Amino acid sequence: MDYNDQIKNRVKRIEGQLRGILRLMEEEKDCKDVITQLSAARTAIDRTIGVIVSSNLVECVKKAEETQERSAEELIKEAVDLLVKSR
């Protein structure tokens, strides 16, 4: 799969968020602030997973239609399983 710049930038932003969380911990900031930032990072990760799975699904379905390897239903089930597993 091709990971475009948009997806890579999402991961870089998450990386920045995580570094910020570590800084908050090192500065012994209030746990409420740390939890808020952890929650934001988790949400960003969940959204990135969704983008990757949906992009991959579109790509896989197109490829499967061309090659007749696997059915679209199989691929969709696999994508849903990935999303469920990520939660």
N, C-alpha and C. Protein backbone atom coordinates (compact mmCIF):
# COMPACT_ATOMS: atom_id res chain seq x y z
N MET A 1 0.84 -1.18 0.00
CA MET A 1 0.00 0.00 0.00
C MET A 1 0.89 1.24 0.00
N ASP A 2 0.41 2.23 -0.68
CA ASP A 2 1.12 3.51 -0.74
C ASP A 2 0.60 4.40 0.40
N TYR A 3 1.49 4.79 1.29
CA TYR A 3 1.11 5.68 2.38
C TYR A 3 1.43 7.11 1.93
N ASN A 4 0.39 7.86 1.61
CA ASN A 4 0.59 9.19 1.07
C ASN A 4 1.04 10.18 2.15
N ASP A 5 1.37 11.38 1.72
CA ASP A 5 1.88 12.40 2.63
C ASP A 5 0.87 12.77 3.71
N GLN A 6 -0.42 12.73 3.38
CA GLN A 6 -1.46 13.06 4.36
C GLN A 6 -1.40 12.07 5.54
N ILE A 7 -1.28 10.80 5.23
CA ILE A 7 -1.22 9.79 6.29
C ILE A 7 0.07 9.94 7.10
N LYS A 8 1.18 10.15 6.41
CA LYS A 8 2.46 10.33 7.10
C LYS A 8 2.43 11.55 8.00
N ASN A 9 1.80 12.63 7.54
CA ASN A 9 1.70 13.84 8.36
C ASN A 9 0.84 13.60 9.60
N ARG A 10 -0.20 12.79 9.47
CA ARG A 10 -1.02 12.44 10.63
C ARG A 10 -0.17 11.75 11.70
N VAL A 11 0.66 10.81 11.25
CA VAL A 11 1.50 10.07 12.18
C VAL A 11 2.55 10.99 12.81
N LYS A 12 3.08 11.91 12.03
CA LYS A 12 4.04 12.87 12.58
C LYS A 12 3.39 13.76 13.63
N ARG A 13 2.14 14.17 13.41
CA ARG A 13 1.42 14.96 14.41
C ARG A 13 1.20 14.16 15.68
N ILE A 14 0.86 12.89 15.52
CA ILE A 14 0.68 12.01 16.69
C ILE A 14 2.00 11.89 17.44
N GLU A 15 3.08 11.73 16.70
CA GLU A 15 4.40 11.65 17.33
C GLU A 15 4.67 12.90 18.16
N GLY A 16 4.33 14.07 17.61
CA GLY A 16 4.49 15.32 18.35
C GLY A 16 3.62 15.37 19.60
N GLN A 17 2.40 14.87 19.47
CA GLN A 17 1.51 14.81 20.63
C GLN A 17 2.12 13.94 21.73
N LEU A 18 2.65 12.79 21.35
CA LEU A 18 3.23 11.88 22.34
C LEU A 18 4.45 12.49 23.02
N ARG A 19 5.26 13.21 22.25
CA ARG A 19 6.41 13.89 22.86
C ARG A 19 5.93 14.96 23.85
N GLY A 20 4.86 15.65 23.48
CA GLY A 20 4.29 16.65 24.37
C GLY A 20 3.77 16.02 25.66
N ILE A 21 3.18 14.84 25.54
CA ILE A 21 2.68 14.14 26.72
C ILE A 21 3.84 13.76 27.64
N LEU A 22 4.92 13.27 27.06
CA LEU A 22 6.10 12.94 27.86
C LEU A 22 6.65 14.18 28.57
N ARG A 23 6.64 15.29 27.87
CA ARG A 23 7.11 16.53 28.47
C ARG A 23 6.22 16.93 29.65
N LEU A 24 4.90 16.79 29.47
CA LEU A 24 3.98 17.08 30.57
C LEU A 24 4.28 16.19 31.78
N MET A 25 4.56 14.92 31.52
CA MET A 25 4.86 13.99 32.62
C MET A 25 6.18 14.36 33.30
N GLU A 26 7.18 14.69 32.50
CA GLU A 26 8.48 15.06 33.06
C GLU A 26 8.39 16.34 33.89
N GLU A 27 7.49 17.24 33.49
CA GLU A 27 7.29 18.49 34.23
C GLU A 27 6.29 18.31 35.38
N GLU A 28 5.85 17.05 35.57
CA GLU A 28 4.91 16.70 36.63
C GLU A 28 3.64 17.56 36.61
N LYS A 29 3.11 17.74 35.41
CA LYS A 29 1.86 18.49 35.25
C LYS A 29 0.69 17.68 35.79
N ASP A 30 -0.41 18.35 35.94
CA ASP A 30 -1.63 17.74 36.48
C ASP A 30 -2.06 16.54 35.62
N CYS A 31 -2.49 15.48 36.30
CA CYS A 31 -2.88 14.27 35.58
C CYS A 31 -4.05 14.53 34.62
N LYS A 32 -4.89 15.49 34.94
CA LYS A 32 -6.01 15.84 34.05
C LYS A 32 -5.49 16.29 32.69
N ASP A 33 -4.43 17.08 32.68
CA ASP A 33 -3.84 17.54 31.42
C ASP A 33 -3.24 16.38 30.64
N VAL A 34 -2.56 15.48 31.36
CA VAL A 34 -1.94 14.32 30.71
C VAL A 34 -3.01 13.43 30.10
N ILE A 35 -4.06 13.15 30.86
CA ILE A 35 -5.15 12.29 30.36
C ILE A 35 -5.84 12.93 29.16
N THR A 36 -6.05 14.22 29.21
CA THR A 36 -6.68 14.92 28.08
C THR A 36 -5.85 14.75 26.82
N GLN A 37 -4.54 14.91 26.94
CA GLN A 37 -3.66 14.78 25.79
C GLN A 37 -3.56 13.33 25.32
N LEU A 38 -3.54 12.38 26.25
CA LEU A 38 -3.54 10.97 25.87
C LEU A 38 -4.81 10.60 25.10
N SER A 39 -5.92 11.13 25.56
CA SER A 39 -7.19 10.88 24.88
C SER A 39 -7.18 11.46 23.47
N ALA A 40 -6.62 12.65 23.32
CA ALA A 40 -6.52 13.27 21.99
C ALA A 40 -5.62 12.45 21.07
N ALA A 41 -4.52 11.93 21.61
CA ALA A 41 -3.61 11.10 20.82
C ALA A 41 -4.30 9.81 20.40
N ARG A 42 -5.05 9.21 21.32
CA ARG A 42 -5.77 7.97 21.00
C ARG A 42 -6.78 8.22 19.88
N THR A 43 -7.50 9.32 19.97
CA THR A 43 -8.47 9.66 18.93
C THR A 43 -7.77 9.84 17.58
N ALA A 44 -6.63 10.51 17.58
CA ALA A 44 -5.88 10.72 16.35
C ALA A 44 -5.41 9.39 15.77
N ILE A 45 -4.97 8.48 16.64
CA ILE A 45 -4.53 7.16 16.18
C ILE A 45 -5.71 6.39 15.59
N ASP A 46 -6.86 6.42 16.27
CA ASP A 46 -8.05 5.73 15.78
C ASP A 46 -8.46 6.25 14.40
N ARG A 47 -8.42 7.56 14.23
CA ARG A 47 -8.79 8.14 12.93
C ARG A 47 -7.80 7.75 11.85
N THR A 48 -6.53 7.70 12.20
CA THR A 48 -5.51 7.30 11.23
C THR A 48 -5.70 5.85 10.82
N ILE A 49 -6.02 5.00 11.78
CA ILE A 49 -6.31 3.59 11.46
C ILE A 49 -7.47 3.52 10.48
N GLY A 50 -8.51 4.29 10.73
CA GLY A 50 -9.67 4.31 9.83
C GLY A 50 -9.30 4.74 8.42
N VAL A 51 -8.47 5.76 8.31
CA VAL A 51 -8.05 6.25 7.00
C VAL A 51 -7.25 5.17 6.27
N ILE A 52 -6.33 4.54 6.98
CA ILE A 52 -5.50 3.51 6.36
C ILE A 52 -6.33 2.31 5.93
N VAL A 53 -7.22 1.85 6.80
CA VAL A 53 -8.06 0.69 6.46
C VAL A 53 -8.96 1.02 5.28
N SER A 54 -9.59 2.19 5.29
CA SER A 54 -10.50 2.52 4.19
C SER A 54 -9.75 2.70 2.88
N SER A 55 -8.58 3.32 2.93
CA SER A 55 -7.79 3.47 1.71
C SER A 55 -7.36 2.11 1.18
N ASN A 56 -6.92 1.26 2.09
CA ASN A 56 -6.48 -0.07 1.70
C ASN A 56 -7.65 -0.89 1.15
N LEU A 57 -8.82 -0.73 1.74
CA LEU A 57 -9.98 -1.48 1.28
C LEU A 57 -10.32 -1.12 -0.16
N VAL A 58 -10.33 0.17 -0.46
CA VAL A 58 -10.64 0.61 -1.83
C VAL A 58 -9.63 0.01 -2.80
N GLU A 59 -8.36 0.10 -2.44
CA GLU A 59 -7.28 -0.43 -3.28
C GLU A 59 -7.43 -1.94 -3.46
N CYS A 60 -7.70 -2.66 -2.38
CA CYS A 60 -7.81 -4.12 -2.44
C CYS A 60 -9.02 -4.58 -3.24
N VAL A 61 -10.14 -3.88 -3.09
CA VAL A 61 -11.35 -4.26 -3.84
C VAL A 61 -11.12 -4.06 -5.33
N LYS A 62 -10.50 -2.95 -5.70
CA LYS A 62 -10.21 -2.72 -7.12
C LYS A 62 -9.31 -3.82 -7.67
N LYS A 63 -8.27 -4.15 -6.90
CA LYS A 63 -7.32 -5.18 -7.33
C LYS A 63 -8.01 -6.54 -7.43
N ALA A 64 -8.86 -6.85 -6.45
CA ALA A 64 -9.56 -8.14 -6.44
C ALA A 64 -10.51 -8.25 -7.62
N GLU A 65 -11.16 -7.14 -7.98
CA GLU A 65 -12.06 -7.16 -9.13
C GLU A 65 -11.29 -7.44 -10.42
N GLU A 66 -10.09 -6.88 -10.50
CA GLU A 66 -9.27 -7.08 -11.69
C GLU A 66 -8.77 -8.52 -11.79
N THR A 67 -8.32 -9.06 -10.68
CA THR A 67 -7.69 -10.39 -10.68
C THR A 67 -8.66 -11.52 -10.35
N GLN A 68 -9.82 -11.19 -9.83
CA GLN A 68 -10.82 -12.19 -9.43
C GLN A 68 -10.28 -13.13 -8.36
N GLU A 69 -9.28 -12.66 -7.56
CA GLU A 69 -8.65 -13.47 -6.51
C GLU A 69 -9.58 -13.70 -5.34
N ARG A 70 -10.09 -12.62 -4.80
CA ARG A 70 -10.93 -12.68 -3.60
C ARG A 70 -12.18 -11.85 -3.84
N SER A 71 -13.23 -12.21 -3.14
CA SER A 71 -14.48 -11.46 -3.31
C SER A 71 -14.43 -10.16 -2.51
N ALA A 72 -15.21 -9.22 -2.95
CA ALA A 72 -15.31 -7.94 -2.25
C ALA A 72 -15.82 -8.16 -0.83
N GLU A 73 -16.74 -9.12 -0.67
CA GLU A 73 -17.28 -9.41 0.65
C GLU A 73 -16.18 -9.87 1.62
N GLU A 74 -15.28 -10.72 1.15
CA GLU A 74 -14.17 -11.18 1.99
C GLU A 74 -13.30 -10.01 2.43
N LEU A 75 -13.00 -9.14 1.49
CA LEU A 75 -12.13 -8.00 1.79
C LEU A 75 -12.80 -7.03 2.76
N ILE A 76 -14.08 -6.82 2.59
CA ILE A 76 -14.81 -5.92 3.48
C ILE A 76 -14.86 -6.52 4.89
N LYS A 77 -15.11 -7.82 4.97
CA LYS A 77 -15.12 -8.47 6.28
C LYS A 77 -13.75 -8.34 6.96
N GLU A 78 -12.69 -8.54 6.20
CA GLU A 78 -11.34 -8.41 6.74
C GLU A 78 -11.09 -6.98 7.25
N ALA A 79 -11.55 -5.99 6.49
CA ALA A 79 -11.36 -4.59 6.90
C ALA A 79 -12.13 -4.30 8.18
N VAL A 80 -13.35 -4.79 8.27
CA VAL A 80 -14.15 -4.59 9.47
C VAL A 80 -13.48 -5.27 10.67
N ASP A 81 -12.96 -6.47 10.45
CA ASP A 81 -12.26 -7.17 11.52
C ASP A 81 -11.05 -6.37 12.01
N LEU A 82 -10.31 -5.77 11.08
CA LEU A 82 -9.16 -4.93 11.46
C LEU A 82 -9.61 -3.75 12.31
N LEU A 83 -10.71 -3.13 11.90
CA LEU A 83 -11.20 -1.97 12.67
C LEU A 83 -11.65 -2.39 14.05
N VAL A 84 -12.34 -3.51 14.14
CA VAL A 84 -12.82 -3.99 15.44
C VAL A 84 -11.63 -4.35 16.33
N LYS A 85 -10.63 -5.00 15.75
CA LYS A 85 -9.45 -5.40 16.51
C LYS A 85 -8.70 -4.18 17.04
N SER A 86 -8.73 -3.09 16.29
CA SER A 86 -7.99 -1.88 16.70
C SER A 86 -8.66 -1.17 17.87
N ARG A 87 -9.86 -1.51 18.18
CA ARG A 87 -10.57 -0.85 19.28
C ARG A 87 -10.24 -1.54 20.52
